[in-house]
Amino acid sequence: MGKVTTEMQVGVPVEMPPLERLEPVHTKGLRATIGTLRLLLGWTFLWAFLDKAFALGFATGRNVETGAITFFGQNQAWFNGGSPTRGVFAYALHAGPFQGFYENLGNYQMTAQGPTAAPPEWINVVYMVSMLLIGLGLITGVMTRLAAVGGIIWMVIFYTATAIWPDNNPFLDEHIVYSVLLVALIFANAGRYLGLGKFWQQVGFVKDRRWLY
């Protein structure tokens, strides 16, 4: 029997097949896991919009003392005169290096009746529109990378405003974990798994612009 030899050219780069670049996650189980993770993170952002927009009784619209829920309550639901960021600026800011910056940004004041805040409306609009678009982008798998970058930016904002430094850990909290998971979605091109990414990425003006994937 003759020998079969294989010659390898040292230093010659091997081009990755196109599908390998588009779908770096190869096993079905891991694809399903990445897709599910994307959906769960998307729902987290979308729910933040829905609850504050309509005062659905979870983080917004519930009386802390009685537990009574006022759906779409006046001055509670964003679509009914409420401020979705007032509570964070008034009650959730952490005593850290960025406290003064966020207090000024949200017009925080301590009064005889307790802390108050009056964030400008543009902050409410940017926050709510961001939560809606990030949530929809992650859930549908359309523009997942942009949605993930937006999510990371908000995680940095939340961390510097409400978590530095965490009470139960020297530095780590859920905002950092979420940020790392969103980075993973970017590298995995996660919109292609359990989403519309495969179709979206074939659209003419999107195909050669991977930042739109």
N, C-alpha and C. Protein backbone atom coordinates (compact mmCIF):
# COMPACT_ATOMS: atom_id res chain seq x y z
N MET A 1 0.84 -1.19 0.00
CA MET A 1 0.00 0.00 0.00
C MET A 1 0.88 1.25 0.00
N GLY A 2 0.46 2.20 -0.80
CA GLY A 2 1.23 3.43 -0.84
C GLY A 2 0.82 4.37 0.28
N LYS A 3 1.70 5.25 0.60
CA LYS A 3 1.42 6.23 1.64
C LYS A 3 0.67 7.42 1.05
N VAL A 4 -0.26 7.96 1.87
CA VAL A 4 -0.97 9.16 1.49
C VAL A 4 -0.39 10.31 2.30
N THR A 5 0.15 11.28 1.62
CA THR A 5 0.78 12.41 2.32
C THR A 5 -0.02 13.68 2.06
N THR A 6 -0.02 14.51 3.04
CA THR A 6 -0.71 15.80 2.94
C THR A 6 0.29 16.90 3.16
N GLU A 7 0.36 17.81 2.22
CA GLU A 7 1.28 18.92 2.34
C GLU A 7 0.54 20.14 2.88
N MET A 8 1.11 20.79 3.87
CA MET A 8 0.53 21.99 4.44
C MET A 8 1.45 23.16 4.16
N GLN A 9 0.91 24.20 3.68
CA GLN A 9 1.68 25.40 3.41
C GLN A 9 1.69 26.28 4.65
N VAL A 10 2.85 26.38 5.23
CA VAL A 10 2.99 27.16 6.45
C VAL A 10 2.89 28.64 6.13
N GLY A 11 2.12 29.35 6.94
CA GLY A 11 2.02 30.79 6.77
C GLY A 11 0.97 31.24 5.78
N VAL A 12 0.31 30.27 5.12
CA VAL A 12 -0.74 30.64 4.17
C VAL A 12 -2.07 30.70 4.91
N PRO A 13 -2.73 31.86 4.97
CA PRO A 13 -3.99 31.94 5.71
C PRO A 13 -5.08 31.12 5.05
N VAL A 14 -5.86 30.45 5.86
CA VAL A 14 -6.98 29.66 5.37
C VAL A 14 -8.25 30.49 5.53
N GLU A 15 -8.91 30.74 4.42
CA GLU A 15 -10.10 31.58 4.46
C GLU A 15 -11.27 30.80 5.04
N MET A 16 -11.95 31.41 5.99
CA MET A 16 -13.09 30.77 6.62
C MET A 16 -14.27 30.76 5.65
N PRO A 17 -14.96 29.62 5.51
CA PRO A 17 -16.13 29.58 4.62
C PRO A 17 -17.16 30.62 5.03
N PRO A 18 -17.92 31.16 4.03
CA PRO A 18 -18.90 32.21 4.35
C PRO A 18 -19.89 31.82 5.43
N LEU A 19 -20.41 30.58 5.37
CA LEU A 19 -21.39 30.17 6.37
C LEU A 19 -20.78 30.10 7.76
N GLU A 20 -19.49 29.73 7.82
CA GLU A 20 -18.81 29.69 9.12
C GLU A 20 -18.74 31.08 9.73
N ARG A 21 -18.53 32.09 8.90
CA ARG A 21 -18.47 33.45 9.41
C ARG A 21 -19.84 33.92 9.87
N LEU A 22 -20.88 33.52 9.14
CA LEU A 22 -22.22 33.96 9.49
C LEU A 22 -22.78 33.20 10.68
N GLU A 23 -22.43 31.92 10.79
CA GLU A 23 -22.97 31.09 11.86
C GLU A 23 -21.83 30.41 12.62
N PRO A 24 -21.16 31.15 13.50
CA PRO A 24 -20.04 30.56 14.23
C PRO A 24 -20.44 29.53 15.27
N VAL A 25 -21.72 29.45 15.60
CA VAL A 25 -22.21 28.45 16.55
C VAL A 25 -22.68 27.25 15.74
N HIS A 26 -22.12 26.07 15.99
CA HIS A 26 -22.31 24.94 15.10
C HIS A 26 -23.30 23.89 15.59
N THR A 27 -23.40 23.64 16.89
CA THR A 27 -24.25 22.57 17.37
C THR A 27 -25.68 23.06 17.57
N LYS A 28 -26.65 22.18 17.33
CA LYS A 28 -28.05 22.56 17.43
C LYS A 28 -28.42 23.01 18.84
N GLY A 29 -27.92 22.28 19.82
CA GLY A 29 -28.25 22.64 21.20
C GLY A 29 -27.75 24.00 21.59
N LEU A 30 -26.51 24.32 21.18
CA LEU A 30 -25.94 25.62 21.52
C LEU A 30 -26.64 26.73 20.73
N ARG A 31 -27.02 26.44 19.49
CA ARG A 31 -27.77 27.44 18.71
C ARG A 31 -29.10 27.76 19.39
N ALA A 32 -29.78 26.72 19.84
CA ALA A 32 -31.05 26.93 20.53
C ALA A 32 -30.85 27.71 21.82
N THR A 33 -29.74 27.43 22.51
CA THR A 33 -29.45 28.13 23.76
C THR A 33 -29.17 29.61 23.49
N ILE A 34 -28.35 29.90 22.48
CA ILE A 34 -28.04 31.29 22.13
C ILE A 34 -29.30 32.02 21.70
N GLY A 35 -30.13 31.34 20.87
CA GLY A 35 -31.38 31.96 20.43
C GLY A 35 -32.31 32.26 21.59
N THR A 36 -32.42 31.31 22.52
CA THR A 36 -33.28 31.50 23.69
C THR A 36 -32.75 32.63 24.56
N LEU A 37 -31.45 32.69 24.73
CA LEU A 37 -30.84 33.76 25.52
C LEU A 37 -31.16 35.11 24.90
N ARG A 38 -31.09 35.19 23.57
CA ARG A 38 -31.42 36.45 22.89
C ARG A 38 -32.87 36.85 23.14
N LEU A 39 -33.77 35.87 23.05
CA LEU A 39 -35.19 36.16 23.28
C LEU A 39 -35.44 36.62 24.71
N LEU A 40 -34.80 35.98 25.67
CA LEU A 40 -35.00 36.36 27.07
C LEU A 40 -34.47 37.76 27.36
N LEU A 41 -33.30 38.07 26.83
CA LEU A 41 -32.77 39.42 27.03
C LEU A 41 -33.64 40.45 26.32
N GLY A 42 -34.13 40.10 25.14
CA GLY A 42 -35.02 41.00 24.43
C GLY A 42 -36.29 41.28 25.21
N TRP A 43 -36.85 40.24 25.80
CA TRP A 43 -38.07 40.43 26.59
C TRP A 43 -37.80 41.29 27.83
N THR A 44 -36.61 41.18 28.41
CA THR A 44 -36.26 42.00 29.56
C THR A 44 -36.33 43.48 29.21
N PHE A 45 -35.78 43.85 28.06
CA PHE A 45 -35.82 45.25 27.64
C PHE A 45 -37.22 45.67 27.22
N LEU A 46 -37.90 44.82 26.46
CA LEU A 46 -39.24 45.18 26.00
C LEU A 46 -40.20 45.32 27.16
N TRP A 47 -40.07 44.47 28.17
CA TRP A 47 -40.96 44.56 29.32
C TRP A 47 -40.73 45.86 30.09
N ALA A 48 -39.48 46.31 30.16
CA ALA A 48 -39.21 47.60 30.81
C ALA A 48 -40.00 48.71 30.13
N PHE A 49 -40.09 48.65 28.81
CA PHE A 49 -40.89 49.64 28.09
C PHE A 49 -42.37 49.47 28.38
N LEU A 50 -42.89 48.26 28.27
CA LEU A 50 -44.33 48.02 28.41
C LEU A 50 -44.83 48.38 29.81
N ASP A 51 -44.10 47.96 30.84
CA ASP A 51 -44.55 48.20 32.20
C ASP A 51 -44.59 49.69 32.52
N LYS A 52 -43.58 50.42 32.05
CA LYS A 52 -43.55 51.85 32.35
C LYS A 52 -44.45 52.65 31.41
N ALA A 53 -44.68 52.15 30.21
CA ALA A 53 -45.55 52.87 29.28
C ALA A 53 -47.01 52.78 29.71
N PHE A 54 -47.42 51.62 30.27
CA PHE A 54 -48.83 51.40 30.56
C PHE A 54 -49.12 51.18 32.05
N ALA A 55 -48.08 51.26 32.91
CA ALA A 55 -48.25 51.03 34.35
C ALA A 55 -48.98 49.72 34.60
N LEU A 56 -48.31 48.61 34.29
CA LEU A 56 -48.93 47.29 34.36
C LEU A 56 -48.87 46.65 35.74
N GLY A 57 -48.34 47.38 36.72
CA GLY A 57 -48.43 46.91 38.09
C GLY A 57 -47.25 46.12 38.60
N PHE A 58 -46.14 46.14 37.88
CA PHE A 58 -44.95 45.43 38.37
C PHE A 58 -43.96 46.46 38.94
N ALA A 59 -43.17 47.11 38.10
CA ALA A 59 -42.31 48.18 38.61
C ALA A 59 -43.04 49.51 38.62
N THR A 60 -44.17 49.58 37.94
CA THR A 60 -44.92 50.83 37.81
C THR A 60 -46.40 50.57 38.01
N GLY A 61 -47.08 51.48 38.72
CA GLY A 61 -48.53 51.37 38.88
C GLY A 61 -49.00 50.61 40.10
N ARG A 62 -48.09 50.19 40.97
CA ARG A 62 -48.47 49.44 42.17
C ARG A 62 -48.23 50.29 43.41
N ASN A 63 -49.21 50.36 44.28
CA ASN A 63 -49.07 51.06 45.55
C ASN A 63 -48.20 50.23 46.49
N VAL A 64 -47.09 50.80 46.91
CA VAL A 64 -46.12 50.05 47.72
C VAL A 64 -46.73 49.61 49.05
N GLU A 65 -47.58 50.44 49.65
CA GLU A 65 -48.13 50.14 50.97
C GLU A 65 -49.29 49.15 50.91
N THR A 66 -50.19 49.32 49.94
CA THR A 66 -51.39 48.48 49.88
C THR A 66 -51.29 47.35 48.87
N GLY A 67 -50.39 47.48 47.92
CA GLY A 67 -50.28 46.49 46.86
C GLY A 67 -51.31 46.66 45.76
N ALA A 68 -52.17 47.67 45.86
CA ALA A 68 -53.20 47.90 44.85
C ALA A 68 -52.57 48.36 43.55
N ILE A 69 -53.12 47.88 42.44
CA ILE A 69 -52.59 48.21 41.12
C ILE A 69 -53.56 49.14 40.40
N THR A 70 -53.02 50.22 39.84
CA THR A 70 -53.81 51.15 39.04
C THR A 70 -53.28 51.09 37.62
N PHE A 71 -53.91 50.25 36.81
CA PHE A 71 -53.44 50.09 35.44
C PHE A 71 -53.62 51.40 34.67
N PHE A 72 -52.58 51.77 33.93
CA PHE A 72 -52.58 52.98 33.12
C PHE A 72 -52.91 54.20 33.98
N GLY A 73 -52.40 54.18 35.22
CA GLY A 73 -52.72 55.25 36.17
C GLY A 73 -52.18 56.59 35.74
N GLN A 74 -52.94 57.63 36.05
CA GLN A 74 -52.50 58.99 35.73
C GLN A 74 -51.24 59.33 36.51
N ASN A 75 -50.28 59.97 35.83
CA ASN A 75 -48.98 60.32 36.39
C ASN A 75 -48.16 59.10 36.81
N GLN A 76 -48.56 57.92 36.32
CA GLN A 76 -47.77 56.71 36.55
C GLN A 76 -47.34 56.11 35.21
N ALA A 77 -48.33 55.81 34.37
CA ALA A 77 -48.00 55.32 33.03
C ALA A 77 -47.39 56.44 32.21
N TRP A 78 -46.36 56.13 31.43
CA TRP A 78 -45.72 57.16 30.61
C TRP A 78 -46.70 57.76 29.62
N PHE A 79 -47.60 56.93 29.09
CA PHE A 79 -48.59 57.43 28.13
C PHE A 79 -49.73 58.17 28.82
N ASN A 80 -49.64 58.30 30.15
CA ASN A 80 -50.67 59.03 30.89
C ASN A 80 -50.04 60.03 31.85
N GLY A 81 -48.95 60.65 31.39
CA GLY A 81 -48.34 61.73 32.16
C GLY A 81 -47.26 61.34 33.14
N GLY A 82 -46.91 60.06 33.22
CA GLY A 82 -45.90 59.62 34.17
C GLY A 82 -44.49 59.82 33.64
N SER A 83 -43.52 59.78 34.55
CA SER A 83 -42.11 59.89 34.19
C SER A 83 -41.45 58.54 34.48
N PRO A 84 -41.03 57.81 33.45
CA PRO A 84 -40.46 56.48 33.68
C PRO A 84 -39.10 56.47 34.36
N THR A 85 -38.44 57.62 34.42
CA THR A 85 -37.11 57.64 35.04
C THR A 85 -37.07 58.38 36.37
N ARG A 86 -38.18 58.99 36.78
CA ARG A 86 -38.18 59.78 38.01
C ARG A 86 -37.80 58.93 39.22
N GLY A 87 -38.34 57.73 39.30
CA GLY A 87 -38.09 56.89 40.46
C GLY A 87 -36.62 56.53 40.62
N VAL A 88 -35.96 56.28 39.51
CA VAL A 88 -34.53 55.96 39.57
C VAL A 88 -33.74 57.15 40.08
N PHE A 89 -34.01 58.32 39.53
CA PHE A 89 -33.26 59.50 39.95
C PHE A 89 -33.57 59.88 41.40
N ALA A 90 -34.79 59.61 41.85
CA ALA A 90 -35.16 60.01 43.21
C ALA A 90 -34.71 58.99 44.27
N TYR A 91 -34.78 57.69 43.93
CA TYR A 91 -34.61 56.69 44.98
C TYR A 91 -33.49 55.67 44.74
N ALA A 92 -33.02 55.53 43.51
CA ALA A 92 -32.14 54.40 43.21
C ALA A 92 -30.69 54.77 42.98
N LEU A 93 -30.36 56.04 42.95
CA LEU A 93 -28.97 56.42 42.70
C LEU A 93 -28.07 55.94 43.84
N HIS A 94 -26.93 55.40 43.46
CA HIS A 94 -26.00 54.83 44.44
C HIS A 94 -24.96 55.87 44.82
N ALA A 95 -24.53 55.82 46.06
CA ALA A 95 -23.51 56.75 46.55
C ALA A 95 -22.15 56.33 46.01
N GLY A 96 -21.86 56.74 44.78
CA GLY A 96 -20.60 56.39 44.15
C GLY A 96 -19.99 57.59 43.46
N PRO A 97 -18.97 57.36 42.65
CA PRO A 97 -18.25 58.47 42.02
C PRO A 97 -19.08 59.26 41.02
N PHE A 98 -20.19 58.68 40.53
CA PHE A 98 -21.02 59.36 39.53
C PHE A 98 -22.32 59.91 40.11
N GLN A 99 -22.47 59.86 41.42
CA GLN A 99 -23.72 60.26 42.05
C GLN A 99 -24.07 61.71 41.74
N GLY A 100 -23.11 62.61 41.87
CA GLY A 100 -23.37 64.02 41.62
C GLY A 100 -23.80 64.28 40.18
N PHE A 101 -23.17 63.60 39.24
CA PHE A 101 -23.53 63.77 37.83
C PHE A 101 -24.98 63.39 37.58
N TYR A 102 -25.39 62.22 38.10
CA TYR A 102 -26.76 61.76 37.86
C TYR A 102 -27.78 62.57 38.64
N GLU A 103 -27.42 63.03 39.81
CA GLU A 103 -28.34 63.90 40.56
C GLU A 103 -28.61 65.19 39.80
N ASN A 104 -27.57 65.78 39.22
CA ASN A 104 -27.76 66.99 38.42
C ASN A 104 -28.57 66.70 37.16
N LEU A 105 -28.29 65.55 36.54
CA LEU A 105 -29.00 65.19 35.31
C LEU A 105 -30.49 65.02 35.56
N GLY A 106 -30.85 64.43 36.71
CA GLY A 106 -32.25 64.17 37.01
C GLY A 106 -32.92 65.23 37.87
N ASN A 107 -32.21 66.36 38.11
CA ASN A 107 -32.76 67.43 38.96
C ASN A 107 -33.22 66.89 40.32
N TYR A 108 -32.34 66.13 40.94
CA TYR A 108 -32.63 65.53 42.25
C TYR A 108 -32.61 66.60 43.34
N GLN A 109 -33.58 66.47 44.26
CA GLN A 109 -33.62 67.36 45.43
C GLN A 109 -34.10 66.58 46.63
N MET A 110 -33.59 66.92 47.79
CA MET A 110 -34.08 66.36 49.04
C MET A 110 -34.96 67.41 49.71
N THR A 111 -36.21 67.06 49.91
CA THR A 111 -37.17 67.98 50.52
C THR A 111 -37.60 67.45 51.88
N ALA A 112 -38.43 68.23 52.58
CA ALA A 112 -38.94 67.80 53.88
C ALA A 112 -39.81 66.56 53.76
N GLN A 113 -40.43 66.38 52.59
CA GLN A 113 -41.28 65.21 52.37
C GLN A 113 -40.50 64.00 51.84
N GLY A 114 -39.23 64.20 51.53
CA GLY A 114 -38.42 63.11 51.00
C GLY A 114 -37.77 63.50 49.69
N PRO A 115 -37.03 62.56 49.08
CA PRO A 115 -36.33 62.88 47.83
C PRO A 115 -37.30 63.04 46.66
N THR A 116 -36.99 63.95 45.78
CA THR A 116 -37.77 64.15 44.56
C THR A 116 -36.80 64.31 43.38
N ALA A 117 -37.33 64.11 42.18
CA ALA A 117 -36.53 64.30 40.98
C ALA A 117 -37.46 64.76 39.86
N ALA A 118 -36.91 65.52 38.94
CA ALA A 118 -37.67 66.00 37.79
C ALA A 118 -36.81 65.89 36.54
N PRO A 119 -36.55 64.67 36.09
CA PRO A 119 -35.71 64.51 34.90
C PRO A 119 -36.35 65.16 33.68
N PRO A 120 -35.57 65.78 32.81
CA PRO A 120 -36.14 66.39 31.60
C PRO A 120 -36.78 65.33 30.71
N GLU A 121 -37.77 65.76 29.93
CA GLU A 121 -38.54 64.80 29.15
C GLU A 121 -37.69 64.09 28.10
N TRP A 122 -36.65 64.73 27.62
CA TRP A 122 -35.83 64.07 26.59
C TRP A 122 -35.19 62.81 27.15
N ILE A 123 -34.88 62.79 28.44
CA ILE A 123 -34.32 61.57 29.04
C ILE A 123 -35.37 60.46 29.03
N ASN A 124 -36.61 60.80 29.38
CA ASN A 124 -37.68 59.80 29.34
C ASN A 124 -37.87 59.25 27.94
N VAL A 125 -37.85 60.13 26.94
CA VAL A 125 -38.07 59.70 25.56
C VAL A 125 -36.93 58.79 25.10
N VAL A 126 -35.69 59.20 25.35
CA VAL A 126 -34.54 58.39 24.94
C VAL A 126 -34.59 57.02 25.62
N TYR A 127 -34.90 57.01 26.90
CA TYR A 127 -34.97 55.75 27.64
C TYR A 127 -36.04 54.83 27.08
N MET A 128 -37.25 55.34 26.90
CA MET A 128 -38.36 54.50 26.48
C MET A 128 -38.19 54.02 25.04
N VAL A 129 -37.79 54.90 24.15
CA VAL A 129 -37.58 54.49 22.76
C VAL A 129 -36.45 53.46 22.68
N SER A 130 -35.41 53.65 23.48
CA SER A 130 -34.31 52.69 23.50
C SER A 130 -34.78 51.32 23.98
N MET A 131 -35.53 51.28 25.07
CA MET A 131 -36.01 50.00 25.58
C MET A 131 -36.88 49.28 24.54
N LEU A 132 -37.72 50.04 23.84
CA LEU A 132 -38.59 49.45 22.82
C LEU A 132 -37.77 48.89 21.66
N LEU A 133 -36.86 49.69 21.12
CA LEU A 133 -36.10 49.26 19.94
C LEU A 133 -35.12 48.13 20.28
N ILE A 134 -34.48 48.21 21.43
CA ILE A 134 -33.57 47.13 21.83
C ILE A 134 -34.34 45.83 22.02
N GLY A 135 -35.48 45.92 22.71
CA GLY A 135 -36.29 44.72 22.92
C GLY A 135 -36.76 44.10 21.62
N LEU A 136 -37.27 44.92 20.71
CA LEU A 136 -37.76 44.40 19.43
C LEU A 136 -36.62 43.84 18.59
N GLY A 137 -35.47 44.53 18.59
CA GLY A 137 -34.34 44.05 17.82
C GLY A 137 -33.85 42.69 18.30
N LEU A 138 -33.76 42.51 19.61
CA LEU A 138 -33.29 41.24 20.15
C LEU A 138 -34.32 40.14 19.95
N ILE A 139 -35.57 40.43 20.15
CA ILE A 139 -36.60 39.40 20.02
C ILE A 139 -36.75 38.92 18.57
N THR A 140 -36.73 39.86 17.63
CA THR A 140 -36.93 39.48 16.23
C THR A 140 -35.66 38.94 15.58
N GLY A 141 -34.51 39.32 16.10
CA GLY A 141 -33.26 38.94 15.44
C GLY A 141 -32.89 39.88 14.31
N VAL A 142 -33.55 41.01 14.22
CA VAL A 142 -33.28 42.02 13.19
C VAL A 142 -32.46 43.14 13.82
N MET A 143 -31.31 43.45 13.22
CA MET A 143 -30.38 44.44 13.79
C MET A 143 -29.99 44.06 15.21
N THR A 144 -29.74 42.78 15.41
CA THR A 144 -29.40 42.29 16.74
C THR A 144 -28.13 42.93 17.27
N ARG A 145 -27.15 43.12 16.40
CA ARG A 145 -25.88 43.68 16.87
C ARG A 145 -26.06 45.11 17.37
N LEU A 146 -26.80 45.93 16.64
CA LEU A 146 -27.06 47.28 17.10
C LEU A 146 -27.86 47.28 18.40
N ALA A 147 -28.85 46.38 18.47
CA ALA A 147 -29.66 46.28 19.69
C ALA A 147 -28.78 45.88 20.87
N ALA A 148 -27.86 44.94 20.66
CA ALA A 148 -26.98 44.50 21.74
C ALA A 148 -26.06 45.62 22.18
N VAL A 149 -25.53 46.40 21.23
CA VAL A 149 -24.67 47.53 21.59
C VAL A 149 -25.46 48.55 22.42
N GLY A 150 -26.71 48.82 21.99
CA GLY A 150 -27.56 49.72 22.78
C GLY A 150 -27.80 49.18 24.18
N GLY A 151 -28.03 47.88 24.28
CA GLY A 151 -28.23 47.28 25.59
C GLY A 151 -27.01 47.41 26.48
N ILE A 152 -25.83 47.22 25.90
CA ILE A 152 -24.59 47.35 26.67
C ILE A 152 -24.43 48.78 27.19
N ILE A 153 -24.72 49.75 26.33
CA ILE A 153 -24.62 51.16 26.75
C ILE A 153 -25.53 51.42 27.95
N TRP A 154 -26.76 50.91 27.90
CA TRP A 154 -27.68 51.12 29.02
C TRP A 154 -27.22 50.37 30.26
N MET A 155 -26.63 49.19 30.11
CA MET A 155 -26.11 48.48 31.27
C MET A 155 -25.00 49.27 31.95
N VAL A 156 -24.16 49.92 31.15
CA VAL A 156 -23.11 50.78 31.72
C VAL A 156 -23.73 51.94 32.48
N ILE A 157 -24.76 52.55 31.89
CA ILE A 157 -25.44 53.67 32.55
C ILE A 157 -26.07 53.21 33.86
N PHE A 158 -26.80 52.09 33.82
CA PHE A 158 -27.44 51.59 35.04
C PHE A 158 -26.42 51.24 36.11
N TYR A 159 -25.30 50.64 35.68
CA TYR A 159 -24.27 50.23 36.64
C TYR A 159 -23.65 51.45 37.31
N THR A 160 -23.28 52.45 36.52
CA THR A 160 -22.63 53.62 37.10
C THR A 160 -23.60 54.47 37.92
N ALA A 161 -24.89 54.38 37.60
CA ALA A 161 -25.87 55.20 38.33
C ALA A 161 -26.38 54.51 39.58
N THR A 162 -26.59 53.20 39.52
CA THR A 162 -27.32 52.54 40.61
C THR A 162 -26.55 51.42 41.30
N ALA A 163 -25.35 51.11 40.84
CA ALA A 163 -24.70 49.92 41.39
C ALA A 163 -23.29 50.13 41.91
N ILE A 164 -22.63 51.21 41.55
CA ILE A 164 -21.27 51.41 42.06
C ILE A 164 -21.34 51.97 43.49
N TRP A 165 -20.84 51.25 44.45
CA TRP A 165 -20.38 49.87 44.30
C TRP A 165 -21.45 48.92 44.83
N PRO A 166 -21.54 47.69 44.28
CA PRO A 166 -22.60 46.77 44.72
C PRO A 166 -22.53 46.50 46.22
N ASP A 167 -23.69 46.26 46.81
CA ASP A 167 -23.77 46.03 48.25
C ASP A 167 -23.26 44.65 48.64
N ASN A 168 -23.43 43.67 47.76
CA ASN A 168 -23.12 42.28 48.13
C ASN A 168 -21.97 41.67 47.35
N ASN A 169 -21.19 42.52 46.69
CA ASN A 169 -20.06 42.02 45.91
C ASN A 169 -19.09 43.18 45.71
N PRO A 170 -17.79 42.91 45.63
CA PRO A 170 -16.85 44.01 45.46
C PRO A 170 -17.09 44.85 44.20
N PHE A 171 -17.51 44.20 43.11
CA PHE A 171 -17.71 44.96 41.86
C PHE A 171 -18.76 44.37 40.94
N LEU A 172 -19.07 43.07 41.09
CA LEU A 172 -19.91 42.38 40.11
C LEU A 172 -21.39 42.45 40.48
N ASP A 173 -22.23 42.79 39.48
CA ASP A 173 -23.67 42.69 39.65
C ASP A 173 -24.28 42.29 38.31
N GLU A 174 -25.61 42.23 38.25
CA GLU A 174 -26.27 41.70 37.06
C GLU A 174 -26.03 42.55 35.82
N HIS A 175 -25.75 43.83 35.98
CA HIS A 175 -25.53 44.67 34.81
C HIS A 175 -24.29 44.25 34.05
N ILE A 176 -23.25 43.88 34.76
CA ILE A 176 -22.03 43.39 34.11
C ILE A 176 -22.30 42.04 33.45
N VAL A 177 -23.04 41.17 34.12
CA VAL A 177 -23.36 39.86 33.53
C VAL A 177 -24.16 40.04 32.25
N TYR A 178 -25.17 40.90 32.28
CA TYR A 178 -25.97 41.17 31.08
C TYR A 178 -25.10 41.72 29.96
N SER A 179 -24.17 42.60 30.30
CA SER A 179 -23.29 43.17 29.28
C SER A 179 -22.47 42.10 28.58
N VAL A 180 -21.92 41.18 29.36
CA VAL A 180 -21.12 40.09 28.78
C VAL A 180 -21.98 39.20 27.90
N LEU A 181 -23.20 38.92 28.33
CA LEU A 181 -24.11 38.10 27.53
C LEU A 181 -24.46 38.81 26.21
N LEU A 182 -24.63 40.12 26.26
CA LEU A 182 -24.93 40.87 25.04
C LEU A 182 -23.73 40.87 24.09
N VAL A 183 -22.52 40.93 24.63
CA VAL A 183 -21.32 40.80 23.80
C VAL A 183 -21.30 39.44 23.12
N ALA A 184 -21.68 38.40 23.85
CA ALA A 184 -21.72 37.06 23.28
C ALA A 184 -22.71 36.99 22.12
N LEU A 185 -23.85 37.67 22.24
CA LEU A 185 -24.82 37.68 21.15
C LEU A 185 -24.24 38.33 19.90
N ILE A 186 -23.43 39.37 20.09
CA ILE A 186 -22.81 40.05 18.95
C ILE A 186 -21.88 39.09 18.22
N PHE A 187 -20.98 38.44 18.94
CA PHE A 187 -20.00 37.55 18.32
C PHE A 187 -20.65 36.30 17.74
N ALA A 188 -21.76 35.86 18.33
CA ALA A 188 -22.43 34.66 17.85
C ALA A 188 -23.34 34.93 16.65
N ASN A 189 -23.49 36.21 16.29
CA ASN A 189 -24.46 36.57 15.24
C ASN A 189 -25.80 35.95 15.57
N ALA A 190 -26.27 36.22 16.79
CA ALA A 190 -27.36 35.46 17.40
C ALA A 190 -28.71 35.65 16.75
N GLY A 191 -28.86 36.67 15.92
CA GLY A 191 -30.14 36.86 15.26
C GLY A 191 -30.51 35.75 14.31
N ARG A 192 -29.54 34.91 13.92
CA ARG A 192 -29.79 33.81 12.99
C ARG A 192 -30.39 32.59 13.67
N TYR A 193 -30.40 32.57 14.99
CA TYR A 193 -30.89 31.39 15.72
C TYR A 193 -32.22 31.73 16.39
N LEU A 194 -33.27 31.05 16.01
CA LEU A 194 -34.62 31.28 16.53
C LEU A 194 -35.07 32.72 16.27
N GLY A 195 -34.61 33.29 15.18
CA GLY A 195 -34.99 34.65 14.84
C GLY A 195 -35.05 34.85 13.34
N LEU A 196 -35.24 36.09 12.94
CA LEU A 196 -35.38 36.43 11.52
C LEU A 196 -34.06 36.87 10.90
N GLY A 197 -32.96 36.65 11.61
CA GLY A 197 -31.67 37.13 11.14
C GLY A 197 -31.26 36.58 9.79
N LYS A 198 -31.53 35.31 9.52
CA LYS A 198 -31.13 34.72 8.24
C LYS A 198 -31.78 35.44 7.07
N PHE A 199 -33.04 35.81 7.24
CA PHE A 199 -33.75 36.52 6.18
C PHE A 199 -33.29 37.98 6.10
N TRP A 200 -33.16 38.61 7.26
CA TRP A 200 -32.75 40.01 7.30
C TRP A 200 -31.38 40.21 6.68
N GLN A 201 -30.47 39.30 6.94
CA GLN A 201 -29.09 39.46 6.46
C GLN A 201 -28.95 39.21 4.97
N GLN A 202 -30.00 38.75 4.31
CA GLN A 202 -29.99 38.57 2.87
C GLN A 202 -30.55 39.77 2.12
N VAL A 203 -31.10 40.74 2.86
CA VAL A 203 -31.61 41.95 2.24
C VAL A 203 -30.45 42.71 1.60
N GLY A 204 -30.69 43.27 0.41
CA GLY A 204 -29.62 43.86 -0.38
C GLY A 204 -28.74 44.85 0.36
N PHE A 205 -29.33 45.87 0.97
CA PHE A 205 -28.51 46.91 1.61
C PHE A 205 -27.93 46.47 2.95
N VAL A 206 -28.37 45.30 3.45
CA VAL A 206 -27.87 44.80 4.74
C VAL A 206 -26.71 43.83 4.54
N LYS A 207 -26.75 43.07 3.46
CA LYS A 207 -25.86 41.93 3.27
C LYS A 207 -24.38 42.27 3.47
N ASP A 208 -23.94 43.41 2.94
CA ASP A 208 -22.54 43.78 3.04
C ASP A 208 -22.25 44.76 4.17
N ARG A 209 -23.22 44.95 5.03
CA ARG A 209 -23.05 45.85 6.18
C ARG A 209 -23.31 45.05 7.46
N ARG A 210 -22.26 44.38 7.92
CA ARG A 210 -22.44 43.43 9.02
C ARG A 210 -22.82 44.11 10.33
N TRP A 211 -22.56 45.39 10.44
CA TRP A 211 -22.98 46.10 11.66
C TRP A 211 -24.50 46.20 11.74
N LEU A 212 -25.19 45.94 10.62
CA LEU A 212 -26.65 45.93 10.62
C LEU A 212 -27.23 44.55 10.90
N TYR A 213 -26.38 43.53 11.06
CA TYR A 213 -26.88 42.16 11.26
C TYR A 213 -27.63 42.06 12.58
